[in-house]
Amino acid sequence: MKYYIIAGEASGDLHAANMVRELRRLDPEAQIAGWGGELMSAQGVEIRKHYRELAFMGFIEVLMNLRTIFANIRLCKSDIESYHPDVIIFIDYPGFNLRIAQWARQSGYKTVWYISPQLWAWKEGRVEKIRQYVDKMLVILPFEEAFYAKHQYPVTYVGHPLLDVIPQYIPPADFLERHGLSPDPQRPIIALLPGSRTQEIETMLPLMLSVMDHYPQAQFVIAGAPGKSADFYTRWLSSERIHLVMNETYALYSYARAALVTSGTATLEAALFNVPEVVCYKGSPITYAIARRLIKVKYISLVNLIADRLIVPELIQSELTTANLITELDKLLYNSTPMQDSFAELRQLLGGPGASRRAADAVWSMVKG
């Protein structure tokens, strides 16, 4: 069978890659192409366009890049037509993928969506488009099944794919030595995850590093984003206490005492690694003003959304200041037990491993049918 996958972000690349590994177990002769990154490529997916060329953050940024976005949509449609897959698999990335899904349905392709757009947060009206254009929706959060049931659209809950990855992860024993990091507990490692897009990194990283003077013994380690080069981060490596690791975020989590994390999948990853964290977000004033009017949820982090209560602190927009970061980071460094106890409850809510296999099974069943 021939499969075409569209993943527009780093997290989508990770989850698509794990699903492809399981799909090849079911269909050893599978031919797979699509849009994604290095992780999909490592599983034998022919990458037609890298996700680093697709990521635009915020309403204003999207408007400024509309010409590029529409050109990418045309390119994707043309590439699908020339490849002629048996099924198209969309991985999150709703703005782009919904447009392709509409065209795909009109063109007669089978469609599967793995990892639902966060319609429960905003643009709930898009459910009707999902109903029209998507043959099968595979969801990964426990409350999403009920959300879609409210709209009379049956979906399949497969569990969260991070539970396939994180419990089995073993960090390299030489990680600290290779990166010049001290194992001394009096010199705690603070992980900095400023996001994956250029705009958010340039906004978030200086704010995260602004706490350095308050923690003279701490070691600050930036987790380089997939799709970015190490050279991109050079301007922020101004002190010997600032380190950079590329493509080793999970190893960093394994040794970190605390983390400052830009909202997104990284907030859940940190929690599943049992790393106390502060969730940070700051966008352009116009983008934030629009978002506040449209977004319906109480929290911005997946950790708090899944638990339906405040487990990790969220510093958003004007609240994201050096003083507030220090206040919250002090709590993590000196009294992290209550938060880590809550992380154990979170893991129970998400259930066990097997999401990638269940997603692959659902795709394979539909293609065969």
Protein backbone atom coordinates (compact mmCIF):
# COMPACT_ATOMS: atom_id res chain seq x y z
CA MET A 1 0.00 0.00 0.00
CA LYS A 2 1.01 3.63 -0.50
CA TYR A 3 0.69 6.13 2.34
CA TYR A 4 1.12 9.92 2.35
CA ILE A 5 1.67 11.61 5.73
CA ILE A 6 1.57 15.34 6.50
CA ALA A 7 3.25 16.41 9.77
CA GLY A 8 3.90 20.14 10.04
CA GLU A 9 5.73 20.33 13.37
CA ALA A 10 8.42 18.60 15.44
CA SER A 11 5.94 16.78 17.70
CA GLY A 12 4.03 15.55 14.65
CA ASP A 13 7.27 14.22 13.18
CA LEU A 14 7.88 12.23 16.39
CA HIS A 15 4.42 10.69 16.59
CA ALA A 16 4.22 9.99 12.87
CA ALA A 17 7.58 8.22 13.00
CA ASN A 18 6.43 5.95 15.83
CA MET A 19 3.21 5.15 13.99
CA VAL A 20 5.15 4.36 10.78
CA ARG A 21 7.34 1.91 12.69
CA GLU A 22 4.22 0.04 13.80
CA LEU A 23 2.61 0.34 10.37
CA ARG A 24 5.57 -1.40 8.75
CA ARG A 25 4.99 -4.32 11.13
CA LEU A 26 1.54 -4.72 9.58
CA ASP A 27 2.52 -3.80 6.02
CA PRO A 28 6.21 -4.65 5.41
CA GLU A 29 5.94 -3.59 1.75
CA ALA A 30 4.47 -0.17 2.58
CA GLN A 31 5.56 2.77 0.44
CA ILE A 32 5.42 5.98 2.51
CA ALA A 33 6.08 9.59 1.51
CA GLY A 34 5.07 12.92 2.96
CA TRP A 35 5.95 16.12 4.78
CA GLY A 36 7.85 15.82 8.05
CA GLY A 37 11.35 15.67 9.45
CA GLU A 38 14.35 13.57 10.42
CA LEU A 39 12.46 11.11 12.63
CA MET A 40 10.05 10.17 9.86
CA SER A 41 12.95 9.92 7.46
CA ALA A 42 14.73 7.54 9.84
CA GLN A 43 11.70 5.24 9.56
CA GLY A 44 12.02 5.17 5.78
CA VAL A 45 9.54 7.91 4.90
CA GLU A 46 10.46 9.80 1.74
CA ILE A 47 10.35 13.42 2.93
CA ARG A 48 9.02 15.71 0.21
CA LYS A 49 9.22 18.89 2.33
CA HIS A 50 10.67 19.51 5.80
CA TYR A 51 8.38 20.90 8.51
CA ARG A 52 10.90 23.65 9.32
CA GLU A 53 9.70 25.38 6.13
CA LEU A 54 6.08 25.31 7.29
CA ALA A 55 5.99 26.69 10.85
CA PHE A 56 4.56 30.17 11.25
CA MET A 57 3.49 31.23 14.74
CA GLY A 58 0.62 33.58 15.57
CA PHE A 59 -2.10 35.37 13.62
CA ILE A 60 0.08 38.26 12.40
CA GLU A 61 2.93 35.96 11.37
CA VAL A 62 0.54 33.78 9.37
CA LEU A 63 -0.89 36.81 7.59
CA MET A 64 2.61 37.97 6.69
CA ASN A 65 3.40 34.59 5.14
CA LEU A 66 0.15 33.85 3.34
CA ARG A 67 1.80 33.74 -0.07
CA THR A 68 4.23 31.04 1.11
CA ILE A 69 1.46 29.09 2.85
CA PHE A 70 -0.76 29.02 -0.25
CA ALA A 71 2.21 28.03 -2.41
CA ASN A 72 2.89 25.13 -0.04
CA ILE A 73 -0.75 24.02 -0.24
CA ARG A 74 -0.57 23.95 -4.05
CA LEU A 75 2.70 22.06 -3.91
CA CYS A 76 1.29 19.49 -1.50
CA LYS A 77 -1.79 18.83 -3.63
CA SER A 78 0.35 18.41 -6.72
CA ASP A 79 2.70 16.04 -4.94
CA ILE A 80 -0.18 13.89 -3.66
CA GLU A 81 -1.64 13.67 -7.16
CA SER A 82 1.67 12.51 -8.60
CA TYR A 83 2.21 10.00 -5.75
CA HIS A 84 -1.41 8.76 -5.74
CA PRO A 85 -1.52 7.16 -2.25
CA ASP A 86 -4.09 4.68 -0.97
CA VAL A 87 -4.60 6.86 2.11
CA ILE A 88 -3.57 10.30 3.36
CA ILE A 89 -2.70 10.58 7.07
CA PHE A 90 -2.87 14.02 8.68
CA ILE A 91 -0.91 14.60 11.91
CA ASP A 92 -2.40 17.54 13.86
CA TYR A 93 -1.37 20.86 12.07
CA PRO A 94 -5.00 21.89 11.42
CA GLY A 95 -4.78 25.13 9.42
CA PHE A 96 -2.86 23.47 6.62
CA ASN A 97 -4.22 19.95 6.88
CA LEU A 98 -7.89 20.93 6.83
CA ARG A 99 -7.40 22.58 3.46
CA ILE A 100 -5.69 19.48 2.11
CA ALA A 101 -8.36 17.23 3.66
CA GLN A 102 -11.16 19.11 1.89
CA TRP A 103 -9.40 18.77 -1.45
CA ALA A 104 -8.52 15.12 -0.74
CA ARG A 105 -12.15 14.19 -0.03
CA GLN A 106 -13.27 15.91 -3.24
CA SER A 107 -10.53 14.07 -5.11
CA GLY A 108 -11.61 10.67 -3.77
CA TYR A 109 -8.75 9.85 -1.39
CA LYS A 110 -9.21 8.00 1.90
CA THR A 111 -8.29 10.20 4.86
CA VAL A 112 -7.20 9.53 8.46
CA TRP A 113 -6.40 12.21 11.04
CA TYR A 114 -4.07 11.17 13.87
CA ILE A 115 -3.86 13.58 16.83
CA SER A 116 -6.89 15.80 16.73
CA PRO A 117 -6.70 19.56 16.28
CA GLN A 118 -7.46 21.25 19.59
CA LEU A 119 -10.99 22.14 18.58
CA TRP A 120 -12.05 21.94 22.22
CA ALA A 121 -9.86 25.01 22.82
CA TRP A 122 -11.00 27.15 19.91
CA LYS A 123 -12.68 26.97 16.50
CA GLU A 124 -15.15 24.32 17.69
CA GLY A 125 -17.06 24.93 14.47
CA ARG A 126 -14.32 23.08 12.60
CA VAL A 127 -15.87 19.83 13.83
CA GLU A 128 -18.29 20.04 10.92
CA LYS A 129 -15.38 20.23 8.48
CA ILE A 130 -13.73 17.25 10.16
CA ARG A 131 -17.01 15.34 9.76
CA GLN A 132 -17.16 16.19 6.05
CA TYR A 133 -13.54 15.64 5.07
CA VAL A 134 -12.06 13.00 7.42
CA ASP A 135 -12.97 9.31 7.21
CA LYS A 136 -11.43 8.39 10.57
CA MET A 137 -10.24 10.54 13.50
CA LEU A 138 -7.77 9.06 16.02
CA VAL A 139 -7.57 11.03 19.29
CA ILE A 140 -4.91 10.88 22.01
CA LEU A 141 -6.38 12.79 24.97
CA PRO A 142 -8.92 11.13 27.28
CA PHE A 143 -11.48 13.95 27.12
CA GLU A 144 -11.51 14.22 23.30
CA GLU A 145 -13.74 11.20 22.76
CA ALA A 146 -16.52 12.84 24.79
CA PHE A 147 -15.96 16.16 23.01
CA TYR A 148 -16.56 14.62 19.58
CA ALA A 149 -19.46 12.49 20.87
CA LYS A 150 -21.18 15.75 21.81
CA HIS A 151 -21.02 16.62 18.11
CA GLN A 152 -22.28 13.18 16.98
CA TYR A 153 -18.96 12.32 15.34
CA PRO A 154 -17.51 8.94 16.40
CA VAL A 155 -13.74 8.89 16.92
CA THR A 156 -11.21 6.31 18.11
CA TYR A 157 -9.25 6.97 21.31
CA VAL A 158 -5.82 5.33 20.99
CA GLY A 159 -4.07 6.78 24.05
CA HIS A 160 -1.11 9.15 24.16
CA PRO A 161 1.89 8.15 22.02
CA LEU A 162 4.40 9.66 24.45
CA LEU A 163 3.68 6.71 26.73
CA ASP A 164 5.18 4.49 24.02
CA VAL A 165 8.42 6.42 24.13
CA ILE A 166 9.24 7.91 27.51
CA PRO A 167 8.96 4.93 29.90
CA GLN A 168 11.41 2.94 27.76
CA TYR A 169 13.92 5.76 27.36
CA ILE A 170 17.40 5.20 28.85
CA PRO A 171 19.64 8.30 28.90
CA PRO A 172 23.24 7.96 27.74
CA ALA A 173 25.59 7.59 30.69
CA ASP A 174 28.11 10.02 29.19
CA PHE A 175 25.59 12.84 28.60
CA LEU A 176 26.88 15.14 31.36
CA GLU A 177 30.54 14.60 30.49
CA ARG A 178 30.02 15.20 26.77
CA HIS A 179 28.33 18.52 27.41
CA GLY A 180 30.67 19.74 30.14
CA LEU A 181 27.96 19.50 32.82
CA SER A 182 28.63 18.83 36.48
CA PRO A 183 26.78 16.05 38.35
CA ASP A 184 27.10 18.02 41.61
CA PRO A 185 23.59 18.34 43.14
CA GLN A 186 24.62 21.76 44.44
CA ARG A 187 24.83 22.82 40.78
CA PRO A 188 21.32 21.96 39.56
CA ILE A 189 20.61 21.65 35.86
CA ILE A 190 17.76 23.86 34.69
CA ALA A 191 16.40 22.89 31.29
CA LEU A 192 15.24 25.66 28.97
CA LEU A 193 12.74 24.77 26.23
CA PRO A 194 11.91 27.99 24.40
CA GLY A 195 9.91 26.38 21.60
CA SER A 196 10.63 25.28 18.04
CA ARG A 197 9.72 28.28 15.90
CA THR A 198 12.11 31.15 15.28
CA GLN A 199 9.73 33.83 16.55
CA GLU A 200 8.95 32.12 19.84
CA ILE A 201 12.59 31.18 20.54
CA GLU A 202 13.70 34.78 20.02
CA THR A 203 10.99 35.94 22.42
CA MET A 204 11.18 33.25 25.09
CA LEU A 205 14.86 32.44 25.44
CA PRO A 206 16.06 35.88 26.63
CA LEU A 207 13.28 35.88 29.25
CA MET A 208 14.23 32.42 30.46
CA LEU A 209 17.91 33.35 30.70
CA SER A 210 17.08 36.53 32.64
CA VAL A 211 16.91 34.49 35.88
CA MET A 212 20.56 33.42 35.70
CA ASP A 213 21.98 35.97 38.13
CA HIS A 214 19.60 34.72 40.84
CA TYR A 215 20.99 31.18 40.57
CA PRO A 216 24.79 31.55 40.41
CA GLN A 217 25.42 27.83 40.99
CA ALA A 218 22.89 26.55 38.46
CA GLN A 219 23.70 25.17 35.02
CA PHE A 220 21.31 26.35 32.31
CA VAL A 221 20.90 24.03 29.34
CA ILE A 222 19.01 25.02 26.18
CA ALA A 223 17.26 22.21 24.34
CA GLY A 224 17.85 22.98 20.67
CA ALA A 225 14.76 22.57 18.54
CA PRO A 226 14.64 19.94 15.80
CA GLY A 227 15.08 21.70 12.50
CA LYS A 228 17.33 24.42 13.97
CA SER A 229 21.11 24.41 13.67
CA ALA A 230 23.43 24.85 16.64
CA ASP A 231 24.66 28.09 15.04
CA PHE A 232 21.20 29.60 15.46
CA TYR A 233 21.69 29.57 19.25
CA THR A 234 25.23 30.99 19.32
CA ARG A 235 24.10 34.51 20.23
CA TRP A 236 22.71 33.25 23.57
CA LEU A 237 25.75 31.20 24.64
CA SER A 238 27.41 34.18 26.33
CA SER A 239 28.32 32.46 29.61
CA GLU A 240 30.09 29.22 30.51
CA ARG A 241 27.01 28.38 32.59
CA ILE A 242 24.83 28.29 29.46
CA HIS A 243 24.99 25.05 27.50
CA LEU A 244 23.27 23.83 24.35
CA VAL A 245 22.20 20.30 23.51
CA MET A 246 20.88 19.34 20.11
CA ASN A 247 18.56 16.36 19.53
CA GLU A 248 18.96 15.18 23.13
CA THR A 249 15.99 16.74 24.88
CA TYR A 250 14.98 13.49 26.58
CA ALA A 251 18.49 13.03 27.95
CA LEU A 252 18.32 16.58 29.28
CA TYR A 253 15.00 15.87 31.00
CA SER A 254 16.57 12.80 32.60
CA TYR A 255 19.17 14.93 34.39
CA ALA A 256 17.29 18.22 34.92
CA ARG A 257 16.19 19.41 38.36
CA ALA A 258 13.64 21.84 36.89
CA ALA A 259 12.53 23.22 33.52
CA LEU A 260 11.19 26.40 31.97
CA VAL A 261 8.99 25.27 29.10
CA THR A 262 7.15 27.10 26.35
CA SER A 263 3.59 25.80 26.10
CA GLY A 264 3.10 22.80 23.83
CA THR A 265 3.87 19.09 23.81
CA ALA A 266 7.07 19.79 25.76
CA THR A 267 5.01 20.58 28.87
CA LEU A 268 3.62 17.04 28.87
CA GLU A 269 7.01 15.51 28.08
CA ALA A 270 8.59 17.24 31.08
CA ALA A 271 5.80 15.99 33.36
CA LEU A 272 6.16 12.40 32.12
CA PHE A 273 9.89 12.63 32.89
CA ASN A 274 8.91 13.85 36.38
CA VAL A 275 10.66 17.21 35.87
CA PRO A 276 9.05 20.10 37.81
CA GLU A 277 8.32 22.90 35.37
CA VAL A 278 7.09 26.43 34.82
CA VAL A 279 5.04 26.83 31.65
CA CYS A 280 5.77 30.05 29.77
CA TYR A 281 4.11 31.84 26.89
CA LYS A 282 4.45 35.26 25.35
CA GLY A 283 3.32 36.31 21.87
CA SER A 284 2.89 39.56 20.04
CA PRO A 285 0.30 41.83 21.72
CA ILE A 286 -2.08 41.61 18.77
CA THR A 287 -1.80 37.82 18.54
CA TYR A 288 -2.43 37.47 22.26
CA ALA A 289 -5.41 39.84 22.22
CA ILE A 290 -7.03 37.84 19.42
CA ALA A 291 -6.26 34.53 21.15
CA ARG A 292 -7.86 35.64 24.41
CA ARG A 293 -11.10 36.34 22.58
CA LEU A 294 -11.12 33.00 20.77
CA ILE A 295 -9.62 30.41 23.10
CA LYS A 296 -12.09 28.77 25.47
CA VAL A 297 -9.94 26.62 27.76
CA LYS A 298 -8.85 27.46 31.31
CA TYR A 299 -5.20 26.49 30.83
CA ILE A 300 -2.54 26.58 28.11
CA SER A 301 -0.49 23.54 29.16
CA LEU A 302 -1.49 19.98 28.31
CA VAL A 303 -0.61 18.93 31.85
CA ASN A 304 -3.26 21.17 33.40
CA LEU A 305 -5.80 20.51 30.66
CA ILE A 306 -5.61 16.75 31.06
CA ALA A 307 -5.78 16.96 34.87
CA ASP A 308 -8.47 19.67 34.67
CA ARG A 309 -6.72 21.56 37.46
CA LEU A 310 -3.62 23.67 37.99
CA ILE A 311 -0.67 21.32 38.47
CA VAL A 312 2.09 23.37 36.83
CA PRO A 313 2.26 27.19 37.05
CA GLU A 314 1.54 29.11 33.86
CA LEU A 315 3.12 32.50 33.26
CA ILE A 316 1.39 34.09 30.30
CA GLN A 317 2.09 37.36 28.50
CA SER A 318 2.45 40.22 31.06
CA GLU A 319 2.84 37.69 33.90
CA LEU A 320 5.97 36.30 32.25
CA THR A 321 8.57 38.44 34.02
CA THR A 322 11.95 37.74 35.55
CA ALA A 323 10.58 38.26 39.06
CA ASN A 324 7.71 35.81 38.54
CA LEU A 325 9.97 33.23 36.95
CA ILE A 326 12.28 33.39 39.98
CA THR A 327 9.35 33.03 42.39
CA GLU A 328 8.08 29.92 40.65
CA LEU A 329 11.51 28.44 40.01
CA ASP A 330 12.37 28.76 43.70
CA LYS A 331 9.37 26.57 44.51
CA LEU A 332 10.48 23.93 42.02
CA LEU A 333 14.05 23.80 43.23
CA TYR A 334 13.25 23.68 46.93
CA ASN A 335 9.83 21.99 47.20
CA SER A 336 8.99 19.96 44.09
CA THR A 337 7.34 16.95 45.78
CA PRO A 338 3.67 18.11 45.51
CA MET A 339 4.03 18.71 41.78
CA GLN A 340 5.74 15.37 41.20
CA ASP A 341 2.98 13.58 43.14
CA SER A 342 0.50 15.17 40.73
CA PHE A 343 2.57 13.96 37.78
CA ALA A 344 1.98 10.38 38.98
CA GLU A 345 -1.77 11.01 38.86
CA LEU A 346 -1.38 12.42 35.34
CA ARG A 347 0.28 9.24 34.10
CA GLN A 348 -2.65 7.22 35.41
CA LEU A 349 -5.11 9.43 33.55
CA LEU A 350 -3.29 8.83 30.26
CA GLY A 351 -3.36 5.06 30.60
CA GLY A 352 -0.69 2.70 29.35
CA PRO A 353 1.49 2.41 26.25
CA GLY A 354 0.37 1.17 22.84
CA ALA A 355 -1.00 4.31 21.16
CA SER A 356 1.30 4.09 18.14
CA ARG A 357 0.39 0.45 17.57
CA ARG A 358 -3.33 1.13 17.96
CA ALA A 359 -3.11 4.06 15.53
CA ALA A 360 -1.31 1.89 12.97
CA ASP A 361 -3.90 -0.86 13.42
CA ALA A 362 -6.71 1.62 12.73
CA VAL A 363 -5.03 2.95 9.59
CA TRP A 364 -4.28 -0.54 8.29
CA SER A 365 -7.84 -1.74 8.94
CA MET A 366 -9.28 1.19 7.03
CA VAL A 367 -6.90 0.79 4.08
CA LYS A 368 -7.67 -2.92 3.81
CA GLY A 369 -11.39 -2.20 4.05
